Amino acid sequence: MTEIRTPRLLLRRWHPDDDLGPLAEIQSDPVVMSHIGDGEPRSLDESAEDIERWEEEWDDEGFGLFAVELLGSGELVGAIGLYVPDAPAQVAGHIGIQWRLGRVFWGQGYASEAAQATLEFALQDRGIDRVVAVTAHGDTSSAKVLDKLGMELTGEADGARLYAIDLTEYQG
């Protein structure tokens, strides 16, 4: 089973029976979801479909979105990991990084900590040499995380900002 421990977090595969309720709570928050996908909150059923899809991606691709929990308490912080975006066209088919954290966990450095561990996983464990990211224009918090990771702004498309990093040059 794929797990990554950081100083404060455990990144792991999903346990649907335990994780569905907390994930659905996170994804039902319109503020959390405002910059993700179509910007709409997700229902319990949609969150169950997300977990199922992410687990299938793990099985098919060897990577996917991790469940992120706090070490010690085991509380679900959110999701972060690798995926293959289908849009915009400039990044479609590449390997991307994305995350969503419960609002109560914002501003504590968890996104940066988990994203850094995810990039190291991409390079060291999966041999991926380039990772992309897509953020909405107004998503300044995610842009700051991407800057901390050393990702470079590569362009704009469809109201989004596009980033990339060559992991062979990644400094961690």
C-alpha atoms as a PDB file:
ATOM      1  CA  MET A   1       0.000   0.000   0.000  1.00  0.00           C
ATOM      2  CA  THR A   2       1.333   3.408  -0.950  1.00  0.00           C
ATOM      3  CA  GLU A   3       1.801   5.751   1.996  1.00  0.00           C
ATOM      4  CA  ILE A   4       3.883   8.860   2.529  1.00  0.00           C
ATOM      5  CA  ARG A   5       4.567  10.395   5.920  1.00  0.00           C
ATOM      6  CA  THR A   6       5.538  14.017   6.302  1.00  0.00           C
ATOM      7  CA  PRO A   7       6.251  15.713   9.632  1.00  0.00           C
ATOM      8  CA  ARG A   8       2.516  16.328  10.202  1.00  0.00           C
ATOM      9  CA  LEU A   9       0.605  14.334   7.603  1.00  0.00           C
ATOM     10  CA  LEU A  10      -0.066  10.861   6.269  1.00  0.00           C
ATOM     11  CA  LEU A  11      -0.795  10.602   2.541  1.00  0.00           C
ATOM     12  CA  ARG A  12      -2.453   7.259   1.843  1.00  0.00           C
ATOM     13  CA  ARG A  13      -4.913   5.364  -0.318  1.00  0.00           C
ATOM     14  CA  TRP A  14      -8.620   5.812   0.372  1.00  0.00           C
ATOM     15  CA  HIS A  15     -10.692   3.902   2.940  1.00  0.00           C
ATOM     16  CA  PRO A  16     -14.189   4.577   1.543  1.00  0.00           C
ATOM     17  CA  ASP A  17     -16.077   3.497   4.661  1.00  0.00           C
ATOM     18  CA  ASP A  18     -14.084   5.888   6.864  1.00  0.00           C
ATOM     19  CA  ASP A  19     -13.263   8.665   4.397  1.00  0.00           C
ATOM     20  CA  LEU A  20     -16.520   9.230   2.533  1.00  0.00           C
ATOM     21  CA  GLY A  21     -18.273  11.280   5.235  1.00  0.00           C
ATOM     22  CA  PRO A  22     -15.355  13.631   5.899  1.00  0.00           C
ATOM     23  CA  LEU A  23     -14.580  14.027   2.177  1.00  0.00           C
ATOM     24  CA  ALA A  24     -18.240  14.757   1.412  1.00  0.00           C
ATOM     25  CA  GLU A  25     -18.233  17.421   4.133  1.00  0.00           C
ATOM     26  CA  ILE A  26     -15.128  19.052   2.621  1.00  0.00           C
ATOM     27  CA  GLN A  27     -16.511  18.887  -0.923  1.00  0.00           C
ATOM     28  CA  SER A  28     -19.932  20.219   0.065  1.00  0.00           C
ATOM     29  CA  ASP A  29     -18.325  23.522   1.072  1.00  0.00           C
ATOM     30  CA  PRO A  30     -18.873  26.004  -1.787  1.00  0.00           C
ATOM     31  CA  VAL A  31     -15.773  27.994  -0.810  1.00  0.00           C
ATOM     32  CA  VAL A  32     -13.526  24.901  -0.934  1.00  0.00           C
ATOM     33  CA  MET A  33     -14.930  23.861  -4.298  1.00  0.00           C
ATOM     34  CA  SER A  34     -15.064  27.347  -5.866  1.00  0.00           C
ATOM     35  CA  HIS A  35     -11.829  26.791  -7.838  1.00  0.00           C
ATOM     36  CA  ILE A  36     -12.187  23.049  -8.476  1.00  0.00           C
ATOM     37  CA  GLY A  37     -13.814  21.609 -11.573  1.00  0.00           C
ATOM     38  CA  ASP A  38     -17.025  23.452 -12.384  1.00  0.00           C
ATOM     39  CA  GLY A  39     -16.854  25.279  -9.037  1.00  0.00           C
ATOM     40  CA  GLU A  40     -19.919  23.551  -7.659  1.00  0.00           C
ATOM     41  CA  PRO A  41     -20.103  21.755  -4.295  1.00  0.00           C
ATOM     42  CA  ARG A  42     -20.299  17.970  -4.551  1.00  0.00           C
ATOM     43  CA  SER A  43     -22.905  15.687  -3.001  1.00  0.00           C
ATOM     44  CA  LEU A  44     -22.304  12.574  -0.940  1.00  0.00           C
ATOM     45  CA  ASP A  45     -22.890  10.410  -4.027  1.00  0.00           C
ATOM     46  CA  GLU A  46     -20.507  12.520  -6.116  1.00  0.00           C
ATOM     47  CA  SER A  47     -17.860  12.278  -3.388  1.00  0.00           C
ATOM     48  CA  ALA A  48     -18.294   8.478  -3.376  1.00  0.00           C
ATOM     49  CA  GLU A  49     -17.789   8.524  -7.153  1.00  0.00           C
ATOM     50  CA  ASP A  50     -14.640  10.641  -6.682  1.00  0.00           C
ATOM     51  CA  ILE A  51     -13.134   8.138  -4.242  1.00  0.00           C
ATOM     52  CA  GLU A  52     -13.988   5.280  -6.594  1.00  0.00           C
ATOM     53  CA  ARG A  53     -12.444   7.107  -9.575  1.00  0.00           C
ATOM     54  CA  TRP A  54      -9.299   8.027  -7.625  1.00  0.00           C
ATOM     55  CA  GLU A  55      -8.839   4.425  -6.501  1.00  0.00           C
ATOM     56  CA  GLU A  56      -9.308   3.216 -10.095  1.00  0.00           C
ATOM     57  CA  GLU A  57      -6.643   5.715 -11.206  1.00  0.00           C
ATOM     58  CA  TRP A  58      -4.287   4.244  -8.601  1.00  0.00           C
ATOM     59  CA  ASP A  59      -4.930   0.767  -9.980  1.00  0.00           C
ATOM     60  CA  ASP A  60      -4.682   1.816 -13.646  1.00  0.00           C
ATOM     61  CA  GLU A  61      -1.980   4.509 -13.582  1.00  0.00           C
ATOM     62  CA  GLY A  62       0.061   3.737 -10.474  1.00  0.00           C
ATOM     63  CA  PHE A  63      -0.816   7.155  -9.053  1.00  0.00           C
ATOM     64  CA  GLY A  64      -3.870   9.115  -8.029  1.00  0.00           C
ATOM     65  CA  LEU A  65      -5.163  11.416  -5.334  1.00  0.00           C
ATOM     66  CA  PHE A  66      -4.116  10.523  -1.814  1.00  0.00           C
ATOM     67  CA  ALA A  67      -6.322  10.851   1.224  1.00  0.00           C
ATOM     68  CA  VAL A  68      -4.492  13.294   3.512  1.00  0.00           C
ATOM     69  CA  GLU A  69      -4.857  12.846   7.250  1.00  0.00           C
ATOM     70  CA  LEU A  70      -3.327  14.490  10.282  1.00  0.00           C
ATOM     71  CA  LEU A  71      -0.795  12.311  12.042  1.00  0.00           C
ATOM     72  CA  GLY A  72      -1.895  11.651  15.577  1.00  0.00           C
ATOM     73  CA  SER A  73      -5.589  12.420  15.261  1.00  0.00           C
ATOM     74  CA  GLY A  74      -6.242  10.640  11.955  1.00  0.00           C
ATOM     75  CA  GLU A  75      -8.572  13.466  10.913  1.00  0.00           C
ATOM     76  CA  LEU A  76      -9.069  13.754   7.142  1.00  0.00           C
ATOM     77  CA  VAL A  77      -7.569  17.029   5.913  1.00  0.00           C
ATOM     78  CA  GLY A  78      -8.505  16.530   2.260  1.00  0.00           C
ATOM     79  CA  ALA A  79      -7.097  15.093  -0.944  1.00  0.00           C
ATOM     80  CA  ILE A  80      -3.920  15.700  -2.931  1.00  0.00           C
ATOM     81  CA  GLY A  81      -2.172  13.860  -5.663  1.00  0.00           C
ATOM     82  CA  LEU A  82      -1.502  13.230  -9.301  1.00  0.00           C
ATOM     83  CA  TYR A  83      -4.025  12.947 -12.112  1.00  0.00           C
ATOM     84  CA  VAL A  84      -4.208  13.263 -15.895  1.00  0.00           C
ATOM     85  CA  PRO A  85      -6.158  16.412 -16.832  1.00  0.00           C
ATOM     86  CA  ASP A  86      -8.396  16.385 -19.893  1.00  0.00           C
ATOM     87  CA  ALA A  87      -8.454  20.198 -20.268  1.00  0.00           C
ATOM     88  CA  PRO A  88      -7.288  22.779 -21.110  1.00  0.00           C
ATOM     89  CA  ALA A  89      -5.690  21.421 -24.278  1.00  0.00           C
ATOM     90  CA  GLN A  90      -2.204  22.705 -23.326  1.00  0.00           C
ATOM     91  CA  VAL A  91      -2.022  20.282 -20.377  1.00  0.00           C
ATOM     92  CA  ALA A  92      -4.419  17.533 -21.476  1.00  0.00           C
ATOM     93  CA  GLY A  93      -2.773  14.139 -21.233  1.00  0.00           C
ATOM     94  CA  HIS A  94       0.093  15.369 -19.058  1.00  0.00           C
ATOM     95  CA  ILE A  95       0.433  14.449 -15.398  1.00  0.00           C
ATOM     96  CA  GLY A  96      -0.952  17.120 -13.104  1.00  0.00           C
ATOM     97  CA  ILE A  97      -1.058  17.829  -9.393  1.00  0.00           C
ATOM     98  CA  GLN A  98      -4.202  18.964  -7.597  1.00  0.00           C
ATOM     99  CA  TRP A  99      -5.555  19.256  -4.088  1.00  0.00           C
ATOM    100  CA  ARG A 100      -8.539  20.194  -2.006  1.00  0.00           C
ATOM    101  CA  LEU A 101      -8.384  20.703   1.738  1.00  0.00           C
ATOM    102  CA  GLY A 102     -11.093  21.385   4.277  1.00  0.00           C
ATOM    103  CA  ARG A 103     -11.325  25.097   4.970  1.00  0.00           C
ATOM    104  CA  VAL A 104     -10.474  24.606   8.650  1.00  0.00           C
ATOM    105  CA  PHE A 105      -7.025  23.394   7.503  1.00  0.00           C
ATOM    106  CA  TRP A 106      -6.206  26.359   5.269  1.00  0.00           C
ATOM    107  CA  GLY A 107      -3.318  28.673   6.095  1.00  0.00           C
ATOM    108  CA  GLN A 108      -1.348  26.097   8.092  1.00  0.00           C
ATOM    109  CA  GLY A 109       1.069  24.949   5.391  1.00  0.00           C
ATOM    110  CA  TYR A 110      -0.587  21.550   4.896  1.00  0.00           C
ATOM    111  CA  ALA A 111      -1.098  22.044   1.147  1.00  0.00           C
ATOM    112  CA  SER A 112       2.573  22.938   0.626  1.00  0.00           C
ATOM    113  CA  GLU A 113       3.769  20.058   2.821  1.00  0.00           C
ATOM    114  CA  ALA A 114       1.587  17.495   1.060  1.00  0.00           C
ATOM    115  CA  ALA A 115       2.293  18.913  -2.424  1.00  0.00           C
ATOM    116  CA  GLN A 116       6.044  18.748  -1.858  1.00  0.00           C
ATOM    117  CA  ALA A 117       5.742  15.111  -0.764  1.00  0.00           C
ATOM    118  CA  THR A 118       3.588  14.406  -3.836  1.00  0.00           C
ATOM    119  CA  LEU A 119       6.188  15.870  -6.205  1.00  0.00           C
ATOM    120  CA  GLU A 120       8.928  13.809  -4.538  1.00  0.00           C
ATOM    121  CA  PHE A 121       6.724  10.720  -4.944  1.00  0.00           C
ATOM    122  CA  ALA A 122       6.208  11.569  -8.641  1.00  0.00           C
ATOM    123  CA  LEU A 123       9.936  11.866  -9.282  1.00  0.00           C
ATOM    124  CA  GLN A 124      11.440   9.248  -6.973  1.00  0.00           C
ATOM    125  CA  ASP A 125       8.786   6.530  -6.882  1.00  0.00           C
ATOM    126  CA  ARG A 126       7.093   6.897 -10.258  1.00  0.00           C
ATOM    127  CA  GLY A 127       9.895   8.306 -12.425  1.00  0.00           C
ATOM    128  CA  ILE A 128       7.711  11.135 -13.725  1.00  0.00           C
ATOM    129  CA  ASP A 129       9.840  13.912 -15.198  1.00  0.00           C
ATOM    130  CA  ARG A 130       7.293  16.747 -15.570  1.00  0.00           C
ATOM    131  CA  VAL A 131       4.196  17.763 -13.630  1.00  0.00           C
ATOM    132  CA  VAL A 132       1.654  20.429 -14.576  1.00  0.00           C
ATOM    133  CA  ALA A 133      -0.958  22.334 -12.596  1.00  0.00           C
ATOM    134  CA  VAL A 134      -4.022  24.397 -13.444  1.00  0.00           C
ATOM    135  CA  THR A 135      -5.397  27.159 -11.220  1.00  0.00           C
ATOM    136  CA  ALA A 136      -8.230  29.610 -11.630  1.00  0.00           C
ATOM    137  CA  HIS A 137      -7.182  33.261 -11.984  1.00  0.00           C
ATOM    138  CA  GLY A 138      -8.581  34.166  -8.571  1.00  0.00           C
ATOM    139  CA  ASP A 139      -7.027  31.237  -6.702  1.00  0.00           C
ATOM    140  CA  THR A 140      -4.108  33.103  -5.143  1.00  0.00           C
ATOM    141  CA  SER A 141      -3.622  30.560  -2.339  1.00  0.00           C
ATOM    142  CA  SER A 142      -2.963  27.717  -4.781  1.00  0.00           C
ATOM    143  CA  ALA A 143      -0.718  29.975  -6.860  1.00  0.00           C
ATOM    144  CA  LYS A 144       1.388  30.646  -3.739  1.00  0.00           C
ATOM    145  CA  VAL A 145       1.733  26.902  -3.108  1.00  0.00           C
ATOM    146  CA  LEU A 146       2.785  26.351  -6.728  1.00  0.00           C
ATOM    147  CA  ASP A 147       5.353  29.135  -6.404  1.00  0.00           C
ATOM    148  CA  LYS A 148       6.753  27.518  -3.230  1.00  0.00           C
ATOM    149  CA  LEU A 149       7.099  24.253  -5.139  1.00  0.00           C
ATOM    150  CA  GLY A 150       9.132  25.993  -7.828  1.00  0.00           C
ATOM    151  CA  MET A 151       6.481  25.528 -10.503  1.00  0.00           C
ATOM    152  CA  GLU A 152       6.637  28.088 -13.288  1.00  0.00           C
ATOM    153  CA  LEU A 153       3.726  29.896 -14.893  1.00  0.00           C
ATOM    154  CA  THR A 154       3.717  28.621 -18.482  1.00  0.00           C
ATOM    155  CA  GLY A 155       0.600  30.270 -19.883  1.00  0.00           C
ATOM    156  CA  GLU A 156      -3.099  30.889 -19.611  1.00  0.00           C
ATOM    157  CA  ALA A 157      -6.117  29.198 -21.157  1.00  0.00           C
ATOM    158  CA  ASP A 158      -9.864  29.097 -20.605  1.00  0.00           C
ATOM    159  CA  GLY A 159      -9.721  31.445 -17.611  1.00  0.00           C
ATOM    160  CA  ALA A 160      -7.009  29.406 -15.915  1.00  0.00           C
ATOM    161  CA  ARG A 161      -3.315  29.798 -15.233  1.00  0.00           C
ATOM    162  CA  LEU A 162      -1.062  26.928 -16.288  1.00  0.00           C
ATOM    163  CA  TYR A 163       2.051  25.873 -14.391  1.00  0.00           C
ATOM    164  CA  ALA A 164       4.704  23.210 -14.871  1.00  0.00           C
ATOM    165  CA  ILE A 165       7.870  21.902 -13.283  1.00  0.00           C
ATOM    166  CA  ASP A 166      10.579  19.697 -14.707  1.00  0.00           C
ATOM    167  CA  LEU A 167      11.186  17.287 -11.856  1.00  0.00           C
ATOM    168  CA  THR A 168      14.727  16.503 -13.009  1.00  0.00           C
ATOM    169  CA  GLU A 169      15.504  20.028 -11.764  1.00  0.00           C
ATOM    170  CA  TYR A 170      13.257  19.868  -8.694  1.00  0.00           C
ATOM    171  CA  GLN A 171      15.029  21.008  -5.541  1.00  0.00           C
ATOM    172  CA  GLY A 172      12.444  19.894  -2.980  1.00  0.00           C
END
